[in-house]
Amino acid sequence: MISTCENDADERVLLRAFPGRRIETLPDGEGQIRKRTQLGRGLDSLTAESNDLLASLANEYWETRLAEDPLMATALGDRRFDDRLPDITPEGRLRKGKKYESIIRRCEGINEKVLSKEDGLTKVALLVDAQGQLDLSTCRLEDWTVDPLGGPQMEFQNVESYQPVRTPSEGQARVKSWR
């Protein structure tokens, strides 16, 4: 497939995004010179594809955060996870770490040269926060937090302060999480 560069800026972006590709200079039939490259898709398509992938990863990351930290979800007002507690078992931490590694790997694969400034900032924020969650999942914080007033053993006892039980179904979800 042939992709047309409308201006030198497009050409520079395409060459950076796809090093080693051939750019040809051709007359366009109206006395103007156009450049084209064999990319398979144009710059607009690459930008849209990258923006869509970034938005999808950001959404996946947020849903993962809520599912992996159901108490945080509840504190933020999302009651979908009221029937769960965080899985701090070695298997749970490993599973969580793999999810964040996958998000980081796919996010790193997005070429920031075709992103807007705003989406470039979103990519950086996503990478930083996902790396922080990966680090937390692998450092075994639960094993070395010794604060008797603020450790994990107290976190569960404070749930009632931000997760009130107002209906029978909310009560059933709360009981299910404690089992």
C-alpha atoms as a PDB file:
ATOM      1  CA  MET A   1       0.000   0.000   0.000  1.00  0.00           C
ATOM      2  CA  ILE A   2       1.068   3.566  -0.618  1.00  0.00           C
ATOM      3  CA  SER A   3       0.737   6.352   1.927  1.00  0.00           C
ATOM      4  CA  THR A   4       0.986   9.971   0.818  1.00  0.00           C
ATOM      5  CA  CYS A   5       2.747  12.569   2.950  1.00  0.00           C
ATOM      6  CA  GLU A   6       1.031  15.905   2.545  1.00  0.00           C
ATOM      7  CA  ASN A   7       3.931  17.911   3.982  1.00  0.00           C
ATOM      8  CA  ASP A   8       7.448  17.623   5.362  1.00  0.00           C
ATOM      9  CA  ALA A   9       6.180  17.305   8.949  1.00  0.00           C
ATOM     10  CA  ASP A  10       4.147  14.232   7.997  1.00  0.00           C
ATOM     11  CA  GLU A  11       7.192  12.807   6.264  1.00  0.00           C
ATOM     12  CA  ARG A  12       9.388  13.336   9.341  1.00  0.00           C
ATOM     13  CA  VAL A  13       6.828  11.686  11.608  1.00  0.00           C
ATOM     14  CA  LEU A  14       6.474   8.715   9.272  1.00  0.00           C
ATOM     15  CA  LEU A  15      10.227   8.291   8.922  1.00  0.00           C
ATOM     16  CA  ARG A  16      10.694   8.373  12.703  1.00  0.00           C
ATOM     17  CA  ALA A  17       7.789   6.025  13.255  1.00  0.00           C
ATOM     18  CA  PHE A  18       8.962   3.635  10.553  1.00  0.00           C
ATOM     19  CA  PRO A  19      12.736   3.852  10.173  1.00  0.00           C
ATOM     20  CA  GLY A  20      14.199   2.373   7.025  1.00  0.00           C
ATOM     21  CA  ARG A  21      11.077   2.926   4.883  1.00  0.00           C
ATOM     22  CA  ARG A  22      11.517   4.313   1.393  1.00  0.00           C
ATOM     23  CA  ILE A  23      10.179   7.774   0.544  1.00  0.00           C
ATOM     24  CA  GLU A  24       9.634   8.528  -3.150  1.00  0.00           C
ATOM     25  CA  THR A  25       9.138  11.975  -4.686  1.00  0.00           C
ATOM     26  CA  LEU A  26       6.485  12.037  -7.433  1.00  0.00           C
ATOM     27  CA  PRO A  27       4.701  14.746  -9.428  1.00  0.00           C
ATOM     28  CA  ASP A  28       1.003  14.868  -8.595  1.00  0.00           C
ATOM     29  CA  GLY A  29      -0.179  15.874 -12.077  1.00  0.00           C
ATOM     30  CA  GLU A  30      -0.835  19.484 -11.062  1.00  0.00           C
ATOM     31  CA  GLY A  31       2.766  20.659 -11.026  1.00  0.00           C
ATOM     32  CA  GLN A  32       3.173  19.893  -7.326  1.00  0.00           C
ATOM     33  CA  ILE A  33       5.567  17.366  -5.846  1.00  0.00           C
ATOM     34  CA  ARG A  34       4.170  14.750  -3.496  1.00  0.00           C
ATOM     35  CA  LYS A  35       6.056  12.202  -1.485  1.00  0.00           C
ATOM     36  CA  ARG A  36       4.870   8.730  -0.774  1.00  0.00           C
ATOM     37  CA  THR A  37       6.049   5.774   1.226  1.00  0.00           C
ATOM     38  CA  GLN A  38       5.190   2.103   1.458  1.00  0.00           C
ATOM     39  CA  LEU A  39       3.636   1.899   4.919  1.00  0.00           C
ATOM     40  CA  GLY A  40       0.354   0.141   4.532  1.00  0.00           C
ATOM     41  CA  ARG A  41      -1.565   2.981   6.144  1.00  0.00           C
ATOM     42  CA  GLY A  42      -1.373   6.762   6.331  1.00  0.00           C
ATOM     43  CA  LEU A  43      -0.455   9.069   9.183  1.00  0.00           C
ATOM     44  CA  ASP A  44      -4.075   9.834  10.065  1.00  0.00           C
ATOM     45  CA  SER A  45      -4.792   6.121  10.304  1.00  0.00           C
ATOM     46  CA  LEU A  46      -1.716   5.559  12.488  1.00  0.00           C
ATOM     47  CA  THR A  47      -2.699   8.418  14.782  1.00  0.00           C
ATOM     48  CA  ALA A  48      -6.268   7.173  15.150  1.00  0.00           C
ATOM     49  CA  GLU A  49      -5.089   3.609  15.715  1.00  0.00           C
ATOM     50  CA  SER A  50      -2.574   4.730  18.364  1.00  0.00           C
ATOM     51  CA  ASN A  51      -5.130   6.963  20.102  1.00  0.00           C
ATOM     52  CA  ASP A  52      -7.683   4.139  20.154  1.00  0.00           C
ATOM     53  CA  LEU A  53      -5.141   1.672  21.534  1.00  0.00           C
ATOM     54  CA  LEU A  54      -4.061   4.130  24.231  1.00  0.00           C
ATOM     55  CA  ALA A  55      -7.674   4.810  25.239  1.00  0.00           C
ATOM     56  CA  SER A  56      -8.361   1.073  25.377  1.00  0.00           C
ATOM     57  CA  LEU A  57      -5.263   0.445  27.524  1.00  0.00           C
ATOM     58  CA  ALA A  58      -6.149   3.309  29.876  1.00  0.00           C
ATOM     59  CA  ASN A  59      -9.633   1.855  30.317  1.00  0.00           C
ATOM     60  CA  GLU A  60      -8.238  -1.658  30.825  1.00  0.00           C
ATOM     61  CA  TYR A  61      -5.771  -0.295  33.385  1.00  0.00           C
ATOM     62  CA  TRP A  62      -8.492   1.497  35.344  1.00  0.00           C
ATOM     63  CA  GLU A  63     -10.796  -1.530  35.354  1.00  0.00           C
ATOM     64  CA  THR A  64      -7.857  -3.677  36.508  1.00  0.00           C
ATOM     65  CA  ARG A  65      -7.096  -1.229  39.326  1.00  0.00           C
ATOM     66  CA  LEU A  66     -10.689  -1.337  40.529  1.00  0.00           C
ATOM     67  CA  ALA A  67     -10.965  -5.127  40.278  1.00  0.00           C
ATOM     68  CA  GLU A  68      -7.594  -5.739  41.966  1.00  0.00           C
ATOM     69  CA  ASP A  69      -8.263  -3.231  44.746  1.00  0.00           C
ATOM     70  CA  PRO A  70     -11.964  -3.626  45.471  1.00  0.00           C
ATOM     71  CA  LEU A  71     -11.737  -1.571  48.670  1.00  0.00           C
ATOM     72  CA  MET A  72     -10.428   1.388  46.662  1.00  0.00           C
ATOM     73  CA  ALA A  73     -13.274   0.894  44.184  1.00  0.00           C
ATOM     74  CA  THR A  74     -15.757   0.987  47.034  1.00  0.00           C
ATOM     75  CA  ALA A  75     -14.131   4.078  48.551  1.00  0.00           C
ATOM     76  CA  LEU A  76     -14.516   5.787  45.149  1.00  0.00           C
ATOM     77  CA  GLY A  77     -18.201   4.842  45.030  1.00  0.00           C
ATOM     78  CA  ASP A  78     -17.985   1.883  42.632  1.00  0.00           C
ATOM     79  CA  ARG A  79     -19.972  -0.844  44.376  1.00  0.00           C
ATOM     80  CA  ARG A  80     -19.392  -3.576  41.715  1.00  0.00           C
ATOM     81  CA  PHE A  81     -16.669  -5.178  43.820  1.00  0.00           C
ATOM     82  CA  ASP A  82     -18.253  -5.048  47.279  1.00  0.00           C
ATOM     83  CA  ASP A  83     -18.216  -8.845  47.500  1.00  0.00           C
ATOM     84  CA  ARG A  84     -14.397  -9.035  47.339  1.00  0.00           C
ATOM     85  CA  LEU A  85     -11.260  -8.174  49.228  1.00  0.00           C
ATOM     86  CA  PRO A  86      -7.819  -7.652  47.664  1.00  0.00           C
ATOM     87  CA  ASP A  87      -6.049 -10.934  46.876  1.00  0.00           C
ATOM     88  CA  ILE A  88      -2.735 -10.616  48.735  1.00  0.00           C
ATOM     89  CA  THR A  89      -1.764 -14.263  48.298  1.00  0.00           C
ATOM     90  CA  PRO A  90       1.444 -14.976  46.353  1.00  0.00           C
ATOM     91  CA  GLU A  91      -0.697 -16.258  43.473  1.00  0.00           C
ATOM     92  CA  GLY A  92      -2.863 -13.134  43.544  1.00  0.00           C
ATOM     93  CA  ARG A  93       0.160 -10.830  43.535  1.00  0.00           C
ATOM     94  CA  LEU A  94       1.683 -12.791  40.636  1.00  0.00           C
ATOM     95  CA  ARG A  95      -1.559 -12.616  38.626  1.00  0.00           C
ATOM     96  CA  LYS A  96      -1.857  -8.885  39.292  1.00  0.00           C
ATOM     97  CA  GLY A  97       1.779  -8.314  38.322  1.00  0.00           C
ATOM     98  CA  LYS A  98       1.273 -10.118  35.003  1.00  0.00           C
ATOM     99  CA  LYS A  99      -1.725  -7.921  34.195  1.00  0.00           C
ATOM    100  CA  TYR A 100       0.260  -4.738  34.822  1.00  0.00           C
ATOM    101  CA  GLU A 101       3.282  -6.060  32.897  1.00  0.00           C
ATOM    102  CA  SER A 102       1.033  -6.724  29.911  1.00  0.00           C
ATOM    103  CA  ILE A 103      -0.445  -3.221  30.045  1.00  0.00           C
ATOM    104  CA  ILE A 104       3.028  -1.663  30.337  1.00  0.00           C
ATOM    105  CA  ARG A 105       4.420  -3.724  27.449  1.00  0.00           C
ATOM    106  CA  ARG A 106       1.538  -2.819  25.132  1.00  0.00           C
ATOM    107  CA  CYS A 107       1.650   0.853  26.156  1.00  0.00           C
ATOM    108  CA  GLU A 108       5.392   1.035  25.510  1.00  0.00           C
ATOM    109  CA  GLY A 109       4.676  -0.249  22.001  1.00  0.00           C
ATOM    110  CA  ILE A 110       2.604   2.830  21.141  1.00  0.00           C
ATOM    111  CA  ASN A 111       4.677   5.273  19.108  1.00  0.00           C
ATOM    112  CA  GLU A 112       4.381   8.620  20.907  1.00  0.00           C
ATOM    113  CA  LYS A 113       5.477  10.466  17.763  1.00  0.00           C
ATOM    114  CA  VAL A 114       1.999  10.042  16.300  1.00  0.00           C
ATOM    115  CA  LEU A 115       0.152  11.005  19.526  1.00  0.00           C
ATOM    116  CA  SER A 116      -1.166  14.445  20.378  1.00  0.00           C
ATOM    117  CA  LYS A 117       0.477  16.252  23.320  1.00  0.00           C
ATOM    118  CA  GLU A 118      -2.457  15.292  25.519  1.00  0.00           C
ATOM    119  CA  ASP A 119      -2.293  11.632  24.550  1.00  0.00           C
ATOM    120  CA  GLY A 120       1.489  11.682  24.965  1.00  0.00           C
ATOM    121  CA  LEU A 121       0.924  12.848  28.536  1.00  0.00           C
ATOM    122  CA  THR A 122      -1.705  10.144  29.028  1.00  0.00           C
ATOM    123  CA  LYS A 123       0.782   7.528  27.848  1.00  0.00           C
ATOM    124  CA  VAL A 124       3.437   8.725  30.308  1.00  0.00           C
ATOM    125  CA  ALA A 125       0.935   8.856  33.180  1.00  0.00           C
ATOM    126  CA  LEU A 126      -0.326   5.376  32.345  1.00  0.00           C
ATOM    127  CA  LEU A 127       3.200   3.952  32.228  1.00  0.00           C
ATOM    128  CA  VAL A 128       4.205   5.591  35.525  1.00  0.00           C
ATOM    129  CA  ASP A 129       1.097   4.495  37.395  1.00  0.00           C
ATOM    130  CA  ALA A 130       1.071   0.973  35.957  1.00  0.00           C
ATOM    131  CA  GLN A 131       4.762   0.589  36.873  1.00  0.00           C
ATOM    132  CA  GLY A 132       3.949   1.766  40.397  1.00  0.00           C
ATOM    133  CA  GLN A 133       1.208  -0.848  40.697  1.00  0.00           C
ATOM    134  CA  LEU A 134       3.556  -3.513  39.328  1.00  0.00           C
ATOM    135  CA  ASP A 135       6.180  -2.514  41.890  1.00  0.00           C
ATOM    136  CA  LEU A 136       3.596  -2.668  44.700  1.00  0.00           C
ATOM    137  CA  SER A 137       2.445  -6.107  43.591  1.00  0.00           C
ATOM    138  CA  THR A 138       5.993  -7.477  43.653  1.00  0.00           C
ATOM    139  CA  CYS A 139       7.417  -5.816  46.781  1.00  0.00           C
ATOM    140  CA  ARG A 140       5.215  -7.866  49.169  1.00  0.00           C
ATOM    141  CA  LEU A 141       4.252  -4.816  51.194  1.00  0.00           C
ATOM    142  CA  GLU A 142       1.885  -6.920  53.290  1.00  0.00           C
ATOM    143  CA  ASP A 143       4.841  -8.949  54.563  1.00  0.00           C
ATOM    144  CA  TRP A 144       6.834  -6.051  55.955  1.00  0.00           C
ATOM    145  CA  THR A 145       4.249  -3.471  57.027  1.00  0.00           C
ATOM    146  CA  VAL A 146       4.476  -3.544  60.825  1.00  0.00           C
ATOM    147  CA  ASP A 147       2.287  -0.563  61.732  1.00  0.00           C
ATOM    148  CA  PRO A 148      -0.207  -1.927  64.309  1.00  0.00           C
ATOM    149  CA  LEU A 149      -2.602   0.979  63.705  1.00  0.00           C
ATOM    150  CA  GLY A 150      -2.375   1.317  59.925  1.00  0.00           C
ATOM    151  CA  GLY A 151      -1.334  -2.067  58.557  1.00  0.00           C
ATOM    152  CA  PRO A 152      -3.409  -4.402  56.412  1.00  0.00           C
ATOM    153  CA  GLN A 153      -4.998  -5.974  59.479  1.00  0.00           C
ATOM    154  CA  MET A 154      -6.659  -2.625  60.266  1.00  0.00           C
ATOM    155  CA  GLU A 155      -7.658  -1.769  56.691  1.00  0.00           C
ATOM    156  CA  PHE A 156     -10.321  -4.467  56.650  1.00  0.00           C
ATOM    157  CA  GLN A 157     -11.767  -3.320  59.982  1.00  0.00           C
ATOM    158  CA  ASN A 158     -12.303   0.186  58.614  1.00  0.00           C
ATOM    159  CA  VAL A 159     -14.292  -0.872  55.549  1.00  0.00           C
ATOM    160  CA  GLU A 160     -17.599  -0.149  57.248  1.00  0.00           C
ATOM    161  CA  SER A 161     -16.663   3.538  57.454  1.00  0.00           C
ATOM    162  CA  TYR A 162     -16.816   3.921  53.655  1.00  0.00           C
ATOM    163  CA  GLN A 163     -18.923   0.952  52.584  1.00  0.00           C
ATOM    164  CA  PRO A 164     -22.215   1.274  54.393  1.00  0.00           C
ATOM    165  CA  VAL A 165     -24.707  -1.555  54.175  1.00  0.00           C
ATOM    166  CA  ARG A 166     -27.998   0.036  53.101  1.00  0.00           C
ATOM    167  CA  THR A 167     -29.804  -2.877  51.433  1.00  0.00           C
ATOM    168  CA  PRO A 168     -29.981  -6.639  51.904  1.00  0.00           C
ATOM    169  CA  SER A 169     -28.003  -7.202  48.674  1.00  0.00           C
ATOM    170  CA  GLU A 170     -25.205  -4.881  49.901  1.00  0.00           C
ATOM    171  CA  GLY A 171     -25.192  -6.842  53.163  1.00  0.00           C
ATOM    172  CA  GLN A 172     -24.936 -10.131  51.268  1.00  0.00           C
ATOM    173  CA  ALA A 173     -22.024  -8.774  49.219  1.00  0.00           C
ATOM    174  CA  ARG A 174     -20.250  -7.649  52.402  1.00  0.00           C
ATOM    175  CA  VAL A 175     -20.712 -11.053  54.062  1.00  0.00           C
ATOM    176  CA  LYS A 176     -19.469 -12.801  50.908  1.00  0.00           C
ATOM    177  CA  SER A 177     -16.260 -10.732  50.917  1.00  0.00           C
ATOM    178  CA  TRP A 178     -15.479 -11.678  54.526  1.00  0.00           C
ATOM    179  CA  ARG A 179     -15.739 -15.414  53.844  1.00  0.00           C
END
